[in-house]
Amino acid sequence: MRVTTGLALTAVAWVSAGCSGVPLTAGADYEPGYDFAQYTSFTWDDPDPRPTGDPRLDGNPFFVHRLHAAIHWELSMRGIVEHASGPALSVHHHVSVRDRVEVFEADRAAGYTSEYGEGTQVIQYEEGTFLVDIADARTNAVLWRGWAQLDVTRALDDPDVMKEQIDQSIAKMFESFPIPAGGMPPTEGR
């Protein structure tokens, strides 16, 4: 009974917050016990030739700049700085966008109601997925993979929302990076 109430409240929170889909989810995977402290520099891998699934992002230099700035910030907060000659790490990213549909229905037989009206509620949105791979530059072996998924419907039409969502997504996935953020922040902001 509480689970159903929680799900209904979560759906209400999504709509009242101006979002039409899923909340931000993020995580990462890596080999536990691996010594990430040995790495202090990175460079960008070749751009991903695959399309994102949305023409507003494909080939968009402003989007790539925002994404790079967010990743650069998170790495620099961990003592890993960009260095093109002789980098220890190579950073690769991919983004995809796809249409999604979520269906919510209050269990009226159990006495629950919905603020959305009678019957089943269908919410359509554009789901964005960010993937970041960090590899050893010498061996090309992937050492860490981070991911984030969220509703990017508003972000696709608003550069300020896009920057905010990129920053939040990258920060959330880097919470799972083996080196915690710390030390002195870099002199340049994101």
C-alpha atoms as a PDB file:
ATOM      1  CA  MET A   1       0.000   0.000   0.000  1.00  0.00           C
ATOM      2  CA  ARG A   2       2.823   2.443   0.868  1.00  0.00           C
ATOM      3  CA  VAL A   3       4.667   1.494  -2.310  1.00  0.00           C
ATOM      4  CA  THR A   4       1.669   2.466  -4.430  1.00  0.00           C
ATOM      5  CA  THR A   5       1.347   5.749  -2.536  1.00  0.00           C
ATOM      6  CA  GLY A   6       5.068   6.407  -3.014  1.00  0.00           C
ATOM      7  CA  LEU A   7       4.828   5.737  -6.724  1.00  0.00           C
ATOM      8  CA  ALA A   8       1.838   8.027  -7.063  1.00  0.00           C
ATOM      9  CA  LEU A   9       3.624  10.788  -5.133  1.00  0.00           C
ATOM     10  CA  THR A  10       6.733  10.336  -7.280  1.00  0.00           C
ATOM     11  CA  ALA A  11       4.648  10.740 -10.427  1.00  0.00           C
ATOM     12  CA  VAL A  12       3.073  13.892  -8.975  1.00  0.00           C
ATOM     13  CA  ALA A  13       6.526  15.260  -8.116  1.00  0.00           C
ATOM     14  CA  TRP A  14       7.743  14.701 -11.688  1.00  0.00           C
ATOM     15  CA  VAL A  15       4.870  16.630 -13.190  1.00  0.00           C
ATOM     16  CA  SER A  16       4.894  19.417 -10.589  1.00  0.00           C
ATOM     17  CA  ALA A  17       8.655  19.862 -11.089  1.00  0.00           C
ATOM     18  CA  GLY A  18       8.055  20.524 -14.773  1.00  0.00           C
ATOM     19  CA  CYS A  19       9.431  17.175 -15.903  1.00  0.00           C
ATOM     20  CA  SER A  20       7.371  14.800 -17.925  1.00  0.00           C
ATOM     21  CA  GLY A  21       9.375  11.605 -17.537  1.00  0.00           C
ATOM     22  CA  VAL A  22      11.854   9.814 -15.385  1.00  0.00           C
ATOM     23  CA  PRO A  23      14.037  11.472 -12.760  1.00  0.00           C
ATOM     24  CA  LEU A  24      17.805  11.543 -13.207  1.00  0.00           C
ATOM     25  CA  THR A  25      19.399   8.155 -12.587  1.00  0.00           C
ATOM     26  CA  ALA A  26      23.126   7.614 -12.794  1.00  0.00           C
ATOM     27  CA  GLY A  27      25.842   5.163 -11.855  1.00  0.00           C
ATOM     28  CA  ALA A  28      29.159   3.701 -12.844  1.00  0.00           C
ATOM     29  CA  ASP A  29      31.080   0.454 -13.044  1.00  0.00           C
ATOM     30  CA  TYR A  30      34.774  -0.303 -12.672  1.00  0.00           C
ATOM     31  CA  GLU A  31      37.119  -2.969 -11.351  1.00  0.00           C
ATOM     32  CA  PRO A  32      37.152  -2.659  -7.544  1.00  0.00           C
ATOM     33  CA  GLY A  33      40.624  -2.387  -6.078  1.00  0.00           C
ATOM     34  CA  TYR A  34      42.181  -0.980  -9.250  1.00  0.00           C
ATOM     35  CA  ASP A  35      44.723   1.789  -8.558  1.00  0.00           C
ATOM     36  CA  PHE A  36      43.187   4.864 -10.214  1.00  0.00           C
ATOM     37  CA  ALA A  37      45.527   7.174  -8.273  1.00  0.00           C
ATOM     38  CA  GLN A  38      48.307   6.375 -10.774  1.00  0.00           C
ATOM     39  CA  TYR A  39      46.514   8.486 -13.406  1.00  0.00           C
ATOM     40  CA  THR A  40      46.938  12.257 -13.414  1.00  0.00           C
ATOM     41  CA  SER A  41      46.208  13.322 -17.006  1.00  0.00           C
ATOM     42  CA  PHE A  42      43.692  12.714 -19.782  1.00  0.00           C
ATOM     43  CA  THR A  43      42.838  13.617 -23.348  1.00  0.00           C
ATOM     44  CA  TRP A  44      39.665  13.316 -25.409  1.00  0.00           C
ATOM     45  CA  ASP A  45      39.171  10.268 -27.578  1.00  0.00           C
ATOM     46  CA  ASP A  46      37.989  10.653 -31.167  1.00  0.00           C
ATOM     47  CA  PRO A  47      34.393  11.915 -31.423  1.00  0.00           C
ATOM     48  CA  ASP A  48      31.707   9.267 -31.579  1.00  0.00           C
ATOM     49  CA  PRO A  49      30.539   8.885 -35.211  1.00  0.00           C
ATOM     50  CA  ARG A  50      27.159   7.443 -34.189  1.00  0.00           C
ATOM     51  CA  PRO A  51      24.197   9.841 -34.237  1.00  0.00           C
ATOM     52  CA  THR A  52      22.506  10.773 -30.968  1.00  0.00           C
ATOM     53  CA  GLY A  53      19.049  10.215 -32.346  1.00  0.00           C
ATOM     54  CA  ASP A  54      18.232  13.921 -32.285  1.00  0.00           C
ATOM     55  CA  PRO A  55      19.298  16.408 -34.980  1.00  0.00           C
ATOM     56  CA  ARG A  56      19.452  19.214 -32.384  1.00  0.00           C
ATOM     57  CA  LEU A  57      22.463  17.471 -30.788  1.00  0.00           C
ATOM     58  CA  ASP A  58      24.198  15.814 -33.755  1.00  0.00           C
ATOM     59  CA  GLY A  59      27.169  17.955 -34.728  1.00  0.00           C
ATOM     60  CA  ASN A  60      26.181  20.626 -32.184  1.00  0.00           C
ATOM     61  CA  PRO A  61      29.470  22.201 -30.961  1.00  0.00           C
ATOM     62  CA  PHE A  62      27.728  23.968 -28.048  1.00  0.00           C
ATOM     63  CA  PHE A  63      26.396  20.683 -26.696  1.00  0.00           C
ATOM     64  CA  VAL A  64      29.830  19.027 -26.985  1.00  0.00           C
ATOM     65  CA  HIS A  65      31.471  21.993 -25.264  1.00  0.00           C
ATOM     66  CA  ARG A  66      29.018  21.772 -22.322  1.00  0.00           C
ATOM     67  CA  LEU A  67      29.559  18.020 -22.032  1.00  0.00           C
ATOM     68  CA  HIS A  68      33.357  18.354 -22.156  1.00  0.00           C
ATOM     69  CA  ALA A  69      33.303  21.174 -19.592  1.00  0.00           C
ATOM     70  CA  ALA A  70      31.311  19.039 -17.125  1.00  0.00           C
ATOM     71  CA  ILE A  71      33.584  15.996 -17.538  1.00  0.00           C
ATOM     72  CA  HIS A  72      36.713  18.176 -17.390  1.00  0.00           C
ATOM     73  CA  TRP A  73      35.484  19.720 -14.122  1.00  0.00           C
ATOM     74  CA  GLU A  74      34.796  16.362 -12.481  1.00  0.00           C
ATOM     75  CA  LEU A  75      38.168  14.925 -13.482  1.00  0.00           C
ATOM     76  CA  SER A  76      40.064  18.037 -12.392  1.00  0.00           C
ATOM     77  CA  MET A  77      38.340  17.883  -9.002  1.00  0.00           C
ATOM     78  CA  ARG A  78      40.008  14.488  -8.663  1.00  0.00           C
ATOM     79  CA  GLY A  79      43.482  15.677  -9.669  1.00  0.00           C
ATOM     80  CA  ILE A  80      43.263  14.461 -13.282  1.00  0.00           C
ATOM     81  CA  VAL A  81      44.021  17.271 -15.716  1.00  0.00           C
ATOM     82  CA  GLU A  82      43.793  17.547 -19.483  1.00  0.00           C
ATOM     83  CA  HIS A  83      47.147  17.048 -21.147  1.00  0.00           C
ATOM     84  CA  ALA A  84      47.332  16.308 -24.878  1.00  0.00           C
ATOM     85  CA  SER A  85      50.896  15.014 -24.980  1.00  0.00           C
ATOM     86  CA  GLY A  86      51.474  11.758 -23.155  1.00  0.00           C
ATOM     87  CA  PRO A  87      48.105  11.500 -21.374  1.00  0.00           C
ATOM     88  CA  ALA A  88      47.517   8.583 -19.038  1.00  0.00           C
ATOM     89  CA  LEU A  89      43.767   8.368 -19.719  1.00  0.00           C
ATOM     90  CA  SER A  90      41.547   8.675 -22.764  1.00  0.00           C
ATOM     91  CA  VAL A  91      37.960   9.922 -22.324  1.00  0.00           C
ATOM     92  CA  HIS A  92      35.204   8.890 -24.720  1.00  0.00           C
ATOM     93  CA  HIS A  93      31.517   9.764 -24.522  1.00  0.00           C
ATOM     94  CA  HIS A  94      28.308   8.904 -26.297  1.00  0.00           C
ATOM     95  CA  VAL A  95      24.846  10.406 -25.997  1.00  0.00           C
ATOM     96  CA  SER A  96      21.571   9.040 -27.260  1.00  0.00           C
ATOM     97  CA  VAL A  97      18.035  10.410 -27.267  1.00  0.00           C
ATOM     98  CA  ARG A  98      14.906   8.366 -27.768  1.00  0.00           C
ATOM     99  CA  ASP A  99      11.174   8.858 -27.383  1.00  0.00           C
ATOM    100  CA  ARG A 100       9.754   7.224 -24.264  1.00  0.00           C
ATOM    101  CA  VAL A 101       6.291   6.660 -22.844  1.00  0.00           C
ATOM    102  CA  GLU A 102       5.486   6.084 -19.154  1.00  0.00           C
ATOM    103  CA  VAL A 103       2.085   4.844 -18.018  1.00  0.00           C
ATOM    104  CA  PHE A 104       0.720   5.569 -14.538  1.00  0.00           C
ATOM    105  CA  GLU A 105      -2.500   4.289 -13.083  1.00  0.00           C
ATOM    106  CA  ALA A 106      -3.799   4.738  -9.548  1.00  0.00           C
ATOM    107  CA  ASP A 107      -5.250   1.598  -7.965  1.00  0.00           C
ATOM    108  CA  ARG A 108      -8.800   2.890  -7.561  1.00  0.00           C
ATOM    109  CA  ALA A 109     -10.034  -0.443  -6.202  1.00  0.00           C
ATOM    110  CA  ALA A 110      -7.703   0.053  -3.220  1.00  0.00           C
ATOM    111  CA  GLY A 111      -8.993   3.596  -2.684  1.00  0.00           C
ATOM    112  CA  TYR A 112      -6.186   5.544  -4.382  1.00  0.00           C
ATOM    113  CA  THR A 113      -6.873   8.463  -6.658  1.00  0.00           C
ATOM    114  CA  SER A 114      -4.762  10.457  -9.049  1.00  0.00           C
ATOM    115  CA  GLU A 115      -4.412  14.206  -9.513  1.00  0.00           C
ATOM    116  CA  TYR A 116      -4.231  13.494 -13.235  1.00  0.00           C
ATOM    117  CA  GLY A 117      -7.910  12.603 -13.538  1.00  0.00           C
ATOM    118  CA  GLU A 118      -9.674   9.356 -14.213  1.00  0.00           C
ATOM    119  CA  GLY A 119      -8.051   6.297 -15.708  1.00  0.00           C
ATOM    120  CA  THR A 120      -4.590   5.657 -17.000  1.00  0.00           C
ATOM    121  CA  GLN A 121      -2.166   8.551 -17.468  1.00  0.00           C
ATOM    122  CA  VAL A 122       0.279   8.417 -20.350  1.00  0.00           C
ATOM    123  CA  ILE A 123       3.350  10.671 -20.234  1.00  0.00           C
ATOM    124  CA  GLN A 124       5.516  11.060 -23.323  1.00  0.00           C
ATOM    125  CA  TYR A 125       9.029  12.475 -23.134  1.00  0.00           C
ATOM    126  CA  GLU A 126      12.492  12.365 -24.700  1.00  0.00           C
ATOM    127  CA  GLU A 127      14.938  10.272 -22.686  1.00  0.00           C
ATOM    128  CA  GLY A 128      18.614  11.193 -22.862  1.00  0.00           C
ATOM    129  CA  THR A 129      21.359   8.713 -22.017  1.00  0.00           C
ATOM    130  CA  PHE A 130      24.929   9.867 -21.353  1.00  0.00           C
ATOM    131  CA  LEU A 131      27.767   7.309 -21.399  1.00  0.00           C
ATOM    132  CA  VAL A 132      31.336   8.197 -20.430  1.00  0.00           C
ATOM    133  CA  ASP A 133      34.169   5.688 -20.844  1.00  0.00           C
ATOM    134  CA  ILE A 134      37.572   6.340 -19.330  1.00  0.00           C
ATOM    135  CA  ALA A 135      40.337   4.128 -20.697  1.00  0.00           C
ATOM    136  CA  ASP A 136      44.055   3.652 -20.175  1.00  0.00           C
ATOM    137  CA  ALA A 137      45.570   5.671 -23.050  1.00  0.00           C
ATOM    138  CA  ARG A 138      48.357   3.126 -23.637  1.00  0.00           C
ATOM    139  CA  THR A 139      46.273  -0.052 -23.687  1.00  0.00           C
ATOM    140  CA  ASN A 140      42.823   1.327 -24.613  1.00  0.00           C
ATOM    141  CA  ALA A 141      41.370  -0.864 -21.847  1.00  0.00           C
ATOM    142  CA  VAL A 142      38.233   0.704 -20.392  1.00  0.00           C
ATOM    143  CA  LEU A 143      38.834   1.337 -16.684  1.00  0.00           C
ATOM    144  CA  TRP A 144      35.586   3.105 -15.755  1.00  0.00           C
ATOM    145  CA  ARG A 145      32.158   3.558 -17.359  1.00  0.00           C
ATOM    146  CA  GLY A 146      29.647   6.087 -16.098  1.00  0.00           C
ATOM    147  CA  TRP A 147      26.070   6.513 -17.259  1.00  0.00           C
ATOM    148  CA  ALA A 148      23.101   8.761 -16.642  1.00  0.00           C
ATOM    149  CA  GLN A 149      19.528   8.824 -17.928  1.00  0.00           C
ATOM    150  CA  LEU A 150      16.965  11.596 -17.636  1.00  0.00           C
ATOM    151  CA  ASP A 151      14.137  13.458 -19.330  1.00  0.00           C
ATOM    152  CA  VAL A 152      15.744  15.937 -21.746  1.00  0.00           C
ATOM    153  CA  THR A 153      12.541  17.245 -23.338  1.00  0.00           C
ATOM    154  CA  ARG A 154      12.945  20.833 -22.041  1.00  0.00           C
ATOM    155  CA  ALA A 155      16.735  20.773 -22.397  1.00  0.00           C
ATOM    156  CA  LEU A 156      16.612  20.144 -26.140  1.00  0.00           C
ATOM    157  CA  ASP A 157      15.017  23.568 -26.641  1.00  0.00           C
ATOM    158  CA  ASP A 158      16.701  25.571 -23.850  1.00  0.00           C
ATOM    159  CA  PRO A 159      20.518  25.925 -23.647  1.00  0.00           C
ATOM    160  CA  ASP A 160      20.409  26.914 -19.960  1.00  0.00           C
ATOM    161  CA  VAL A 161      18.392  23.818 -19.043  1.00  0.00           C
ATOM    162  CA  MET A 162      20.725  21.707 -21.197  1.00  0.00           C
ATOM    163  CA  LYS A 163      23.813  22.978 -19.341  1.00  0.00           C
ATOM    164  CA  GLU A 164      22.140  22.381 -15.983  1.00  0.00           C
ATOM    165  CA  GLN A 165      21.098  18.838 -16.906  1.00  0.00           C
ATOM    166  CA  ILE A 166      24.527  17.957 -18.313  1.00  0.00           C
ATOM    167  CA  ASP A 167      26.251  19.286 -15.173  1.00  0.00           C
ATOM    168  CA  GLN A 168      23.867  17.354 -12.902  1.00  0.00           C
ATOM    169  CA  SER A 169      24.137  14.134 -14.920  1.00  0.00           C
ATOM    170  CA  ILE A 170      27.935  14.119 -15.079  1.00  0.00           C
ATOM    171  CA  ALA A 171      28.265  15.092 -11.395  1.00  0.00           C
ATOM    172  CA  LYS A 172      25.879  12.301 -10.381  1.00  0.00           C
ATOM    173  CA  MET A 173      27.734   9.609 -12.355  1.00  0.00           C
ATOM    174  CA  PHE A 174      31.111  10.803 -11.014  1.00  0.00           C
ATOM    175  CA  GLU A 175      29.867  10.262  -7.453  1.00  0.00           C
ATOM    176  CA  SER A 176      30.801   6.646  -8.243  1.00  0.00           C
ATOM    177  CA  PHE A 177      34.330   7.453  -9.443  1.00  0.00           C
ATOM    178  CA  PRO A 178      36.976   5.620  -7.380  1.00  0.00           C
ATOM    179  CA  ILE A 179      38.836   8.857  -6.586  1.00  0.00           C
ATOM    180  CA  PRO A 180      36.608  11.176  -4.536  1.00  0.00           C
ATOM    181  CA  ALA A 181      36.397  14.870  -5.373  1.00  0.00           C
ATOM    182  CA  GLY A 182      38.659  16.915  -3.146  1.00  0.00           C
ATOM    183  CA  GLY A 183      41.623  19.175  -2.926  1.00  0.00           C
ATOM    184  CA  MET A 184      41.733  22.611  -4.434  1.00  0.00           C
ATOM    185  CA  PRO A 185      39.239  23.312  -7.206  1.00  0.00           C
ATOM    186  CA  PRO A 186      40.701  24.279 -10.570  1.00  0.00           C
ATOM    187  CA  THR A 187      41.170  27.968 -11.346  1.00  0.00           C
ATOM    188  CA  GLU A 188      38.673  27.850 -14.194  1.00  0.00           C
ATOM    189  CA  GLY A 189      34.997  27.207 -13.483  1.00  0.00           C
ATOM    190  CA  ARG A 190      32.818  24.883 -15.492  1.00  0.00           C
END
